[in-house]
């Protein structure tokens, strides 16, 4: 799209994502709460750490559209989705659906255990 080819517009989107990344729960990975959120799931509207980004990529784009904040191109709709959803709102929804007896994964949780969730 023309938006994704416009360097000035992409720079503006990058600045907005950097701003959103620093707000509240967005500063920690939506999945494991690690403090390095340089990655994201565009369709879920969440910020992720490197490890969880890799796990999301393995799930496939039909489940989660994983992107690198500083390298990938963004649409206005994607950036607006992050502003509307973000980690706190997404987790309020998804963690409420976590089956009984399952705990939210943390930075030390094994990849194998996370993929079973």
N, C-alpha and C. Protein backbone atom coordinates (compact mmCIF):
# COMPACT_ATOMS: atom_id res chain seq x y z
N UNK A 1 0.84 -1.19 0.00
CA UNK A 1 0.00 0.00 0.00
C UNK A 1 0.88 1.25 0.00
N UNK A 2 0.29 2.35 -0.36
CA UNK A 2 1.03 3.62 -0.40
C UNK A 2 1.53 4.01 0.99
N UNK A 3 0.75 3.70 2.03
CA UNK A 3 1.16 4.01 3.40
C UNK A 3 2.47 3.32 3.75
N UNK A 4 2.60 2.07 3.34
CA UNK A 4 3.78 1.29 3.70
C UNK A 4 5.01 1.70 2.90
N UNK A 5 4.83 2.44 1.82
CA UNK A 5 5.96 2.91 1.01
C UNK A 5 6.36 4.34 1.33
N UNK A 6 5.60 5.03 2.18
CA UNK A 6 5.87 6.43 2.51
C UNK A 6 6.79 6.50 3.74
N UNK A 7 8.08 6.86 3.55
CA UNK A 7 9.01 6.85 4.69
C UNK A 7 8.63 7.82 5.80
N UNK A 8 8.09 8.98 5.47
CA UNK A 8 7.70 9.94 6.50
C UNK A 8 6.53 9.41 7.33
N UNK A 9 5.60 8.79 6.66
CA UNK A 9 4.45 8.22 7.36
C UNK A 9 4.89 7.04 8.23
N UNK A 10 5.79 6.20 7.72
CA UNK A 10 6.31 5.09 8.51
C UNK A 10 7.06 5.59 9.74
N UNK A 11 7.80 6.67 9.60
CA UNK A 11 8.52 7.26 10.74
C UNK A 11 7.52 7.74 11.79
N UNK A 12 6.42 8.34 11.35
CA UNK A 12 5.38 8.78 12.28
C UNK A 12 4.75 7.58 13.00
N UNK A 13 4.49 6.51 12.25
CA UNK A 13 3.93 5.29 12.86
C UNK A 13 4.92 4.70 13.87
N UNK A 14 6.20 4.68 13.51
CA UNK A 14 7.23 4.16 14.42
C UNK A 14 7.27 4.98 15.72
N UNK A 15 7.19 6.30 15.59
CA UNK A 15 7.20 7.16 16.78
C UNK A 15 5.99 6.88 17.67
N UNK A 16 4.84 6.68 17.06
CA UNK A 16 3.63 6.40 17.84
C UNK A 16 3.74 5.04 18.52
N UNK A 17 4.28 4.04 17.83
CA UNK A 17 4.45 2.72 18.45
C UNK A 17 5.44 2.78 19.60
N UNK A 18 6.53 3.56 19.45
CA UNK A 18 7.49 3.73 20.54
C UNK A 18 6.82 4.36 21.76
N UNK A 19 5.95 5.35 21.49
CA UNK A 19 5.23 6.01 22.59
C UNK A 19 4.29 5.02 23.28
N UNK A 20 3.54 4.27 22.50
CA UNK A 20 2.59 3.31 23.05
C UNK A 20 3.31 2.20 23.82
N UNK A 21 4.47 1.81 23.33
CA UNK A 21 5.26 0.73 23.95
C UNK A 21 5.67 1.08 25.38
N UNK A 22 5.79 2.35 25.69
CA UNK A 22 6.23 2.79 27.02
C UNK A 22 5.08 2.93 28.02
N UNK A 23 3.86 2.82 27.55
CA UNK A 23 2.70 3.05 28.42
C UNK A 23 2.30 1.82 29.21
N UNK A 24 2.26 1.95 30.52
CA UNK A 24 1.72 0.92 31.41
C UNK A 24 2.17 -0.49 31.10
N UNK A 25 1.20 -1.40 30.92
CA UNK A 25 1.47 -2.82 30.68
C UNK A 25 2.18 -3.06 29.36
N UNK A 26 2.15 -2.12 28.44
CA UNK A 26 2.82 -2.30 27.16
C UNK A 26 4.34 -2.35 27.31
N UNK A 27 4.87 -1.88 28.42
CA UNK A 27 6.31 -1.89 28.65
C UNK A 27 6.82 -3.28 29.02
N UNK A 28 5.91 -4.21 29.26
CA UNK A 28 6.28 -5.60 29.58
C UNK A 28 5.57 -6.51 28.59
N UNK A 29 6.20 -7.62 28.27
CA UNK A 29 5.64 -8.57 27.32
C UNK A 29 4.23 -8.99 27.74
N UNK A 30 3.31 -8.96 26.79
CA UNK A 30 1.92 -9.34 27.08
C UNK A 30 1.81 -10.79 27.52
N UNK A 31 2.71 -11.64 27.05
CA UNK A 31 2.61 -13.06 27.37
C UNK A 31 3.34 -13.44 28.65
N UNK A 32 4.60 -13.01 28.81
CA UNK A 32 5.39 -13.49 29.95
C UNK A 32 5.85 -12.39 30.90
N UNK A 33 5.56 -11.15 30.58
CA UNK A 33 5.90 -9.97 31.38
C UNK A 33 7.39 -9.65 31.40
N UNK A 34 8.16 -10.17 30.45
CA UNK A 34 9.56 -9.77 30.31
C UNK A 34 9.59 -8.29 29.95
N UNK A 35 10.67 -7.61 30.26
CA UNK A 35 10.73 -6.16 30.07
C UNK A 35 11.20 -5.67 28.72
N UNK A 36 11.43 -6.52 27.75
CA UNK A 36 11.95 -6.08 26.45
C UNK A 36 10.88 -6.26 25.38
N UNK A 37 10.14 -5.22 25.11
CA UNK A 37 9.02 -5.33 24.16
C UNK A 37 9.36 -4.65 22.83
N UNK A 38 10.26 -5.25 22.08
CA UNK A 38 10.64 -4.71 20.76
C UNK A 38 9.89 -5.38 19.62
N UNK A 39 8.91 -6.20 19.97
CA UNK A 39 8.19 -6.98 18.99
C UNK A 39 6.70 -6.86 19.26
N UNK A 40 5.89 -7.35 18.32
CA UNK A 40 4.45 -7.16 18.49
C UNK A 40 3.65 -8.18 17.69
N UNK A 41 2.40 -8.33 18.08
CA UNK A 41 1.42 -9.06 17.28
C UNK A 41 0.44 -8.01 16.77
N UNK A 42 0.51 -7.74 15.48
CA UNK A 42 -0.30 -6.66 14.89
C UNK A 42 -1.79 -6.94 14.99
N UNK A 43 -2.22 -8.17 14.75
CA UNK A 43 -3.65 -8.44 14.78
C UNK A 43 -4.20 -8.53 16.20
N UNK A 44 -3.35 -8.90 17.17
CA UNK A 44 -3.81 -8.95 18.56
C UNK A 44 -3.65 -7.61 19.28
N UNK A 45 -2.80 -6.73 18.73
CA UNK A 45 -2.60 -5.41 19.34
C UNK A 45 -1.77 -5.46 20.60
N UNK A 46 -0.79 -6.39 20.66
CA UNK A 46 0.02 -6.55 21.87
C UNK A 46 1.51 -6.42 21.58
N UNK A 47 2.25 -6.02 22.61
CA UNK A 47 3.69 -5.89 22.54
C UNK A 47 4.31 -7.13 23.19
N UNK A 48 5.38 -7.66 22.56
CA UNK A 48 5.99 -8.92 22.97
C UNK A 48 7.49 -8.81 23.13
N UNK A 49 8.06 -9.74 23.91
CA UNK A 49 9.52 -9.87 24.01
C UNK A 49 10.00 -10.74 22.84
N UNK A 50 11.31 -10.85 22.70
CA UNK A 50 11.91 -11.62 21.62
C UNK A 50 11.47 -13.09 21.65
N UNK A 51 11.50 -13.70 22.82
CA UNK A 51 11.13 -15.11 22.93
C UNK A 51 9.68 -15.35 22.54
N UNK A 52 8.78 -14.55 23.08
CA UNK A 52 7.36 -14.74 22.79
C UNK A 52 7.04 -14.38 21.34
N UNK A 53 7.79 -13.43 20.78
CA UNK A 53 7.67 -13.11 19.36
C UNK A 53 7.94 -14.37 18.54
N UNK A 54 9.00 -15.09 18.88
CA UNK A 54 9.33 -16.33 18.18
C UNK A 54 8.25 -17.38 18.32
N UNK A 55 7.69 -17.50 19.52
CA UNK A 55 6.60 -18.45 19.74
C UNK A 55 5.36 -18.06 18.93
N UNK A 56 5.08 -16.77 18.85
CA UNK A 56 3.94 -16.31 18.04
C UNK A 56 4.17 -16.60 16.57
N UNK A 57 5.40 -16.36 16.09
CA UNK A 57 5.72 -16.66 14.69
C UNK A 57 5.48 -18.14 14.38
N UNK A 58 5.83 -18.99 15.32
CA UNK A 58 5.66 -20.43 15.12
C UNK A 58 4.18 -20.83 15.04
N UNK A 59 3.31 -20.03 15.65
CA UNK A 59 1.87 -20.33 15.60
C UNK A 59 1.30 -20.12 14.20
N UNK A 60 1.90 -19.22 13.44
CA UNK A 60 1.45 -18.94 12.08
C UNK A 60 0.66 -17.65 11.98
N UNK A 61 0.69 -17.07 10.79
CA UNK A 61 0.02 -15.77 10.58
C UNK A 61 -1.50 -15.87 10.62
N UNK A 62 -2.04 -17.07 10.53
CA UNK A 62 -3.49 -17.22 10.65
C UNK A 62 -3.95 -17.04 12.10
N UNK A 63 -2.98 -17.12 13.05
CA UNK A 63 -3.28 -16.95 14.47
C UNK A 63 -2.81 -15.58 14.96
N UNK A 64 -1.57 -15.24 14.65
CA UNK A 64 -0.97 -14.00 15.14
C UNK A 64 0.01 -13.46 14.10
N UNK A 65 -0.10 -12.21 13.79
CA UNK A 65 0.76 -11.58 12.79
C UNK A 65 1.90 -10.86 13.51
N UNK A 66 3.00 -11.59 13.71
CA UNK A 66 4.14 -11.08 14.47
C UNK A 66 4.99 -10.15 13.64
N UNK A 67 5.42 -9.05 14.27
CA UNK A 67 6.24 -8.06 13.58
C UNK A 67 7.31 -7.51 14.52
N UNK A 68 8.38 -6.99 13.91
CA UNK A 68 9.44 -6.31 14.65
C UNK A 68 9.10 -4.82 14.62
N UNK A 69 9.00 -4.20 15.79
CA UNK A 69 8.55 -2.81 15.86
C UNK A 69 9.39 -1.87 15.00
N UNK A 70 10.72 -1.99 15.07
CA UNK A 70 11.59 -1.03 14.39
C UNK A 70 11.91 -1.39 12.94
N UNK A 71 11.59 -2.59 12.50
CA UNK A 71 11.99 -3.00 11.16
C UNK A 71 10.84 -3.16 10.16
N UNK A 72 9.71 -3.62 10.65
CA UNK A 72 8.59 -3.88 9.76
C UNK A 72 7.83 -2.60 9.43
N UNK A 73 7.05 -2.66 8.36
CA UNK A 73 6.20 -1.52 8.00
C UNK A 73 4.84 -1.70 8.66
N UNK A 74 4.16 -0.56 8.86
CA UNK A 74 2.91 -0.53 9.61
C UNK A 74 1.86 0.24 8.84
N UNK A 75 0.62 -0.14 9.04
CA UNK A 75 -0.50 0.63 8.47
C UNK A 75 -1.09 1.49 9.59
N UNK A 76 -1.82 2.49 9.18
CA UNK A 76 -2.49 3.36 10.16
C UNK A 76 -3.46 2.55 11.01
N UNK A 77 -4.14 1.59 10.38
CA UNK A 77 -5.11 0.76 11.11
C UNK A 77 -4.42 -0.10 12.17
N UNK A 78 -3.23 -0.63 11.84
CA UNK A 78 -2.50 -1.44 12.82
C UNK A 78 -2.09 -0.60 14.02
N UNK A 79 -1.57 0.59 13.78
CA UNK A 79 -1.15 1.46 14.88
C UNK A 79 -2.35 1.85 15.73
N UNK A 80 -3.46 2.16 15.08
CA UNK A 80 -4.68 2.50 15.81
C UNK A 80 -5.16 1.31 16.66
N UNK A 81 -4.96 0.10 16.15
CA UNK A 81 -5.36 -1.11 16.89
C UNK A 81 -4.54 -1.24 18.18
N UNK A 82 -3.24 -0.94 18.11
CA UNK A 82 -2.41 -0.97 19.32
C UNK A 82 -2.89 0.07 20.33
N UNK A 83 -3.26 1.24 19.85
CA UNK A 83 -3.75 2.29 20.75
C UNK A 83 -5.07 1.87 21.40
N UNK A 84 -5.90 1.16 20.66
CA UNK A 84 -7.21 0.75 21.17
C UNK A 84 -7.13 -0.47 22.08
N UNK A 85 -6.19 -1.38 21.82
CA UNK A 85 -6.14 -2.63 22.58
C UNK A 85 -5.00 -2.59 23.60
N UNK A 86 -3.78 -2.83 23.17
CA UNK A 86 -2.65 -2.84 24.09
C UNK A 86 -2.65 -4.06 24.99
N UNK A 87 -1.56 -4.22 25.73
CA UNK A 87 -1.36 -5.42 26.55
C UNK A 87 -2.38 -5.57 27.67
N UNK A 88 -2.70 -4.50 28.35
CA UNK A 88 -3.62 -4.60 29.49
C UNK A 88 -5.01 -5.07 29.06
N UNK A 89 -5.56 -4.45 28.05
CA UNK A 89 -6.90 -4.82 27.58
C UNK A 89 -6.90 -6.22 26.98
N UNK A 90 -5.88 -6.55 26.19
CA UNK A 90 -5.80 -7.89 25.58
C UNK A 90 -5.71 -8.97 26.66
N UNK A 91 -4.87 -8.73 27.68
CA UNK A 91 -4.73 -9.73 28.73
C UNK A 91 -5.99 -9.86 29.57
N UNK A 92 -6.70 -8.79 29.77
CA UNK A 92 -7.97 -8.88 30.51
C UNK A 92 -8.91 -9.86 29.79
N UNK A 93 -8.86 -9.85 28.49
CA UNK A 93 -9.71 -10.74 27.68
C UNK A 93 -9.14 -12.16 27.65
N UNK A 94 -7.87 -12.30 27.22
CA UNK A 94 -7.31 -13.63 26.99
C UNK A 94 -7.02 -14.40 28.27
N UNK A 95 -6.54 -13.74 29.30
CA UNK A 95 -6.24 -14.46 30.55
C UNK A 95 -7.52 -14.93 31.24
N UNK A 96 -8.62 -14.24 31.00
CA UNK A 96 -9.91 -14.68 31.55
C UNK A 96 -10.34 -16.01 30.92
N UNK A 97 -9.81 -16.32 29.74
CA UNK A 97 -10.15 -17.55 29.03
C UNK A 97 -9.14 -18.68 29.29
N UNK A 98 -8.13 -18.42 30.10
CA UNK A 98 -7.14 -19.43 30.42
C UNK A 98 -7.82 -20.56 31.19
N UNK A 99 -7.66 -21.80 30.74
CA UNK A 99 -8.34 -22.91 31.42
C UNK A 99 -7.94 -23.02 32.90
N UNK A 100 -8.88 -23.46 33.71
CA UNK A 100 -8.62 -23.62 35.14
C UNK A 100 -7.44 -24.56 35.35
N UNK A 101 -6.59 -24.22 36.29
CA UNK A 101 -5.42 -25.02 36.56
C UNK A 101 -4.19 -24.61 35.77
N UNK A 102 -4.36 -23.74 34.79
CA UNK A 102 -3.23 -23.23 34.01
C UNK A 102 -2.81 -21.88 34.57
N UNK A 103 -1.52 -21.65 34.64
CA UNK A 103 -1.00 -20.37 35.10
C UNK A 103 -0.42 -19.61 33.92
N UNK A 104 -0.46 -18.31 34.04
CA UNK A 104 0.15 -17.46 33.03
C UNK A 104 1.65 -17.77 32.97
N UNK A 105 2.22 -17.93 31.76
CA UNK A 105 3.66 -18.19 31.68
C UNK A 105 4.47 -16.97 32.10
N UNK A 106 5.67 -17.23 32.58
CA UNK A 106 6.59 -16.16 32.94
C UNK A 106 7.85 -16.26 32.11
N UNK A 107 8.78 -15.34 32.30
CA UNK A 107 10.02 -15.36 31.52
C UNK A 107 10.81 -16.66 31.67
N UNK A 108 10.65 -17.35 32.80
CA UNK A 108 11.41 -18.59 33.04
C UNK A 108 10.65 -19.85 32.62
N UNK A 109 9.39 -19.71 32.19
CA UNK A 109 8.59 -20.87 31.77
C UNK A 109 9.20 -21.45 30.49
N UNK A 110 9.30 -22.77 30.43
CA UNK A 110 9.90 -23.40 29.25
C UNK A 110 9.03 -23.18 28.01
N UNK A 111 9.68 -23.13 26.85
CA UNK A 111 8.95 -22.98 25.59
C UNK A 111 7.96 -24.11 25.39
N UNK A 112 8.37 -25.32 25.78
CA UNK A 112 7.50 -26.48 25.62
C UNK A 112 6.21 -26.32 26.43
N UNK A 113 6.33 -25.85 27.66
CA UNK A 113 5.15 -25.65 28.49
C UNK A 113 4.26 -24.54 27.94
N UNK A 114 4.88 -23.47 27.43
CA UNK A 114 4.11 -22.36 26.86
C UNK A 114 3.32 -22.83 25.65
N UNK A 115 3.91 -23.63 24.79
CA UNK A 115 3.21 -24.07 23.58
C UNK A 115 2.05 -25.01 23.92
N UNK A 116 2.10 -25.65 25.08
CA UNK A 116 0.98 -26.51 25.50
C UNK A 116 -0.22 -25.70 25.93
N UNK A 117 0.01 -24.45 26.37
CA UNK A 117 -1.11 -23.61 26.78
C UNK A 117 -1.91 -23.24 25.57
